[in-house]
Amino acid sequence: MAFYAFYVIAIIILILHFTGWLKRNNLEWLILLLAVAVFPIVIFVR
């Protein structure tokens, strides 16, 4: 279940990134956090 929740959050972050919402609100660091979190989530949750 957590695996699918992570993917939903990742998709939402990517949509916000490409629409420019993250940059306007100074939240671009979420993209870096997402990139760092992908590998452990995929390896350990799956």
N, C-alpha and C. Protein backbone atom coordinates (compact mmCIF):
# COMPACT_ATOMS: atom_id res chain seq x y z
N MET A 1 0.83 -1.20 0.00
CA MET A 1 0.00 0.00 0.00
C MET A 1 0.88 1.26 0.00
N ALA A 2 1.93 1.26 0.81
CA ALA A 2 2.82 2.42 0.87
C ALA A 2 3.53 2.64 -0.46
N PHE A 3 3.77 1.54 -1.18
CA PHE A 3 4.40 1.63 -2.49
C PHE A 3 3.54 2.44 -3.45
N TYR A 4 2.25 2.18 -3.45
CA TYR A 4 1.34 2.91 -4.34
C TYR A 4 1.12 4.35 -3.88
N ALA A 5 1.11 4.57 -2.58
CA ALA A 5 0.97 5.93 -2.06
C ALA A 5 2.17 6.77 -2.45
N PHE A 6 3.36 6.16 -2.43
CA PHE A 6 4.56 6.89 -2.84
C PHE A 6 4.45 7.32 -4.30
N TYR A 7 3.98 6.42 -5.15
CA TYR A 7 3.86 6.77 -6.56
C TYR A 7 2.83 7.86 -6.80
N VAL A 8 1.75 7.88 -6.07
CA VAL A 8 0.75 8.94 -6.19
C VAL A 8 1.36 10.27 -5.80
N ILE A 9 2.11 10.30 -4.70
CA ILE A 9 2.76 11.54 -4.27
C ILE A 9 3.80 11.98 -5.29
N ALA A 10 4.56 11.03 -5.84
CA ALA A 10 5.57 11.36 -6.84
C ALA A 10 4.93 11.97 -8.09
N ILE A 11 3.83 11.43 -8.53
CA ILE A 11 3.14 11.96 -9.72
C ILE A 11 2.62 13.36 -9.45
N ILE A 12 2.08 13.58 -8.26
CA ILE A 12 1.59 14.92 -7.91
C ILE A 12 2.73 15.93 -7.90
N ILE A 13 3.88 15.55 -7.32
CA ILE A 13 5.04 16.45 -7.28
C ILE A 13 5.52 16.76 -8.70
N LEU A 14 5.56 15.76 -9.57
CA LEU A 14 5.99 16.01 -10.94
C LEU A 14 5.03 16.92 -11.70
N ILE A 15 3.75 16.74 -11.49
CA ILE A 15 2.77 17.62 -12.14
C ILE A 15 2.95 19.05 -11.66
N LEU A 16 3.12 19.22 -10.35
CA LEU A 16 3.33 20.57 -9.81
C LEU A 16 4.63 21.18 -10.32
N HIS A 17 5.64 20.35 -10.53
CA HIS A 17 6.91 20.84 -11.05
C HIS A 17 6.74 21.36 -12.49
N PHE A 18 6.09 20.57 -13.34
CA PHE A 18 5.97 20.95 -14.74
C PHE A 18 4.98 22.08 -14.96
N THR A 19 4.07 22.30 -14.03
CA THR A 19 3.17 23.46 -14.16
C THR A 19 3.80 24.73 -13.61
N GLY A 20 4.93 24.61 -12.91
CA GLY A 20 5.62 25.77 -12.37
C GLY A 20 5.20 26.16 -10.97
N TRP A 21 4.30 25.41 -10.38
CA TRP A 21 3.79 25.75 -9.05
C TRP A 21 4.88 25.65 -7.99
N LEU A 22 5.75 24.64 -8.10
CA LEU A 22 6.80 24.48 -7.11
C LEU A 22 7.79 25.65 -7.14
N LYS A 23 8.13 26.10 -8.33
CA LYS A 23 9.09 27.20 -8.45
C LYS A 23 8.49 28.50 -7.91
N ARG A 24 7.24 28.73 -8.19
CA ARG A 24 6.59 29.96 -7.68
C ARG A 24 6.53 29.98 -6.16
N ASN A 25 6.41 28.82 -5.55
CA ASN A 25 6.29 28.74 -4.09
C ASN A 25 7.59 28.32 -3.42
N ASN A 26 8.69 28.36 -4.18
CA ASN A 26 10.03 28.06 -3.65
C ASN A 26 10.09 26.66 -3.02
N LEU A 27 9.51 25.68 -3.71
CA LEU A 27 9.50 24.31 -3.20
C LEU A 27 10.19 23.34 -4.15
N GLU A 28 11.14 23.84 -4.95
CA GLU A 28 11.83 22.97 -5.90
C GLU A 28 12.64 21.88 -5.20
N TRP A 29 12.93 22.05 -3.92
CA TRP A 29 13.69 21.04 -3.19
C TRP A 29 12.92 19.73 -3.09
N LEU A 30 11.60 19.78 -3.31
CA LEU A 30 10.82 18.55 -3.28
C LEU A 30 11.22 17.59 -4.39
N ILE A 31 11.65 18.13 -5.53
CA ILE A 31 12.12 17.29 -6.64
C ILE A 31 13.38 16.53 -6.21
N LEU A 32 14.29 17.21 -5.54
CA LEU A 32 15.51 16.54 -5.06
C LEU A 32 15.18 15.49 -4.01
N LEU A 33 14.26 15.81 -3.13
CA LEU A 33 13.84 14.86 -2.11
C LEU A 33 13.20 13.63 -2.76
N LEU A 34 12.41 13.85 -3.78
CA LEU A 34 11.78 12.74 -4.50
C LEU A 34 12.82 11.87 -5.17
N ALA A 35 13.82 12.49 -5.78
CA ALA A 35 14.86 11.73 -6.46
C ALA A 35 15.67 10.88 -5.46
N VAL A 36 15.95 11.41 -4.29
CA VAL A 36 16.69 10.67 -3.28
C VAL A 36 15.84 9.54 -2.70
N ALA A 37 14.55 9.75 -2.61
CA ALA A 37 13.66 8.76 -1.99
C ALA A 37 13.27 7.62 -2.91
N VAL A 38 13.44 7.77 -4.21
CA VAL A 38 12.95 6.75 -5.14
C VAL A 38 13.63 5.41 -4.92
N PHE A 39 14.93 5.37 -4.83
CA PHE A 39 15.63 4.09 -4.77
C PHE A 39 15.35 3.31 -3.49
N PRO A 40 15.43 3.90 -2.31
CA PRO A 40 15.10 3.10 -1.12
C PRO A 40 13.64 2.62 -1.10
N ILE A 41 12.74 3.46 -1.57
CA ILE A 41 11.33 3.06 -1.58
C ILE A 41 11.14 1.86 -2.49
N VAL A 42 11.70 1.91 -3.68
CA VAL A 42 11.54 0.83 -4.64
C VAL A 42 12.20 -0.45 -4.13
N ILE A 43 13.37 -0.33 -3.51
CA ILE A 43 14.10 -1.52 -3.06
C ILE A 43 13.46 -2.14 -1.82
N PHE A 44 13.12 -1.33 -0.82
CA PHE A 44 12.70 -1.88 0.46
C PHE A 44 11.19 -2.09 0.59
N VAL A 45 10.38 -1.32 -0.08
CA VAL A 45 8.94 -1.46 0.08
C VAL A 45 8.37 -2.54 -0.82
N ARG A 46 9.01 -2.75 -1.94
CA ARG A 46 8.47 -3.72 -2.90
C ARG A 46 8.68 -5.11 -2.48
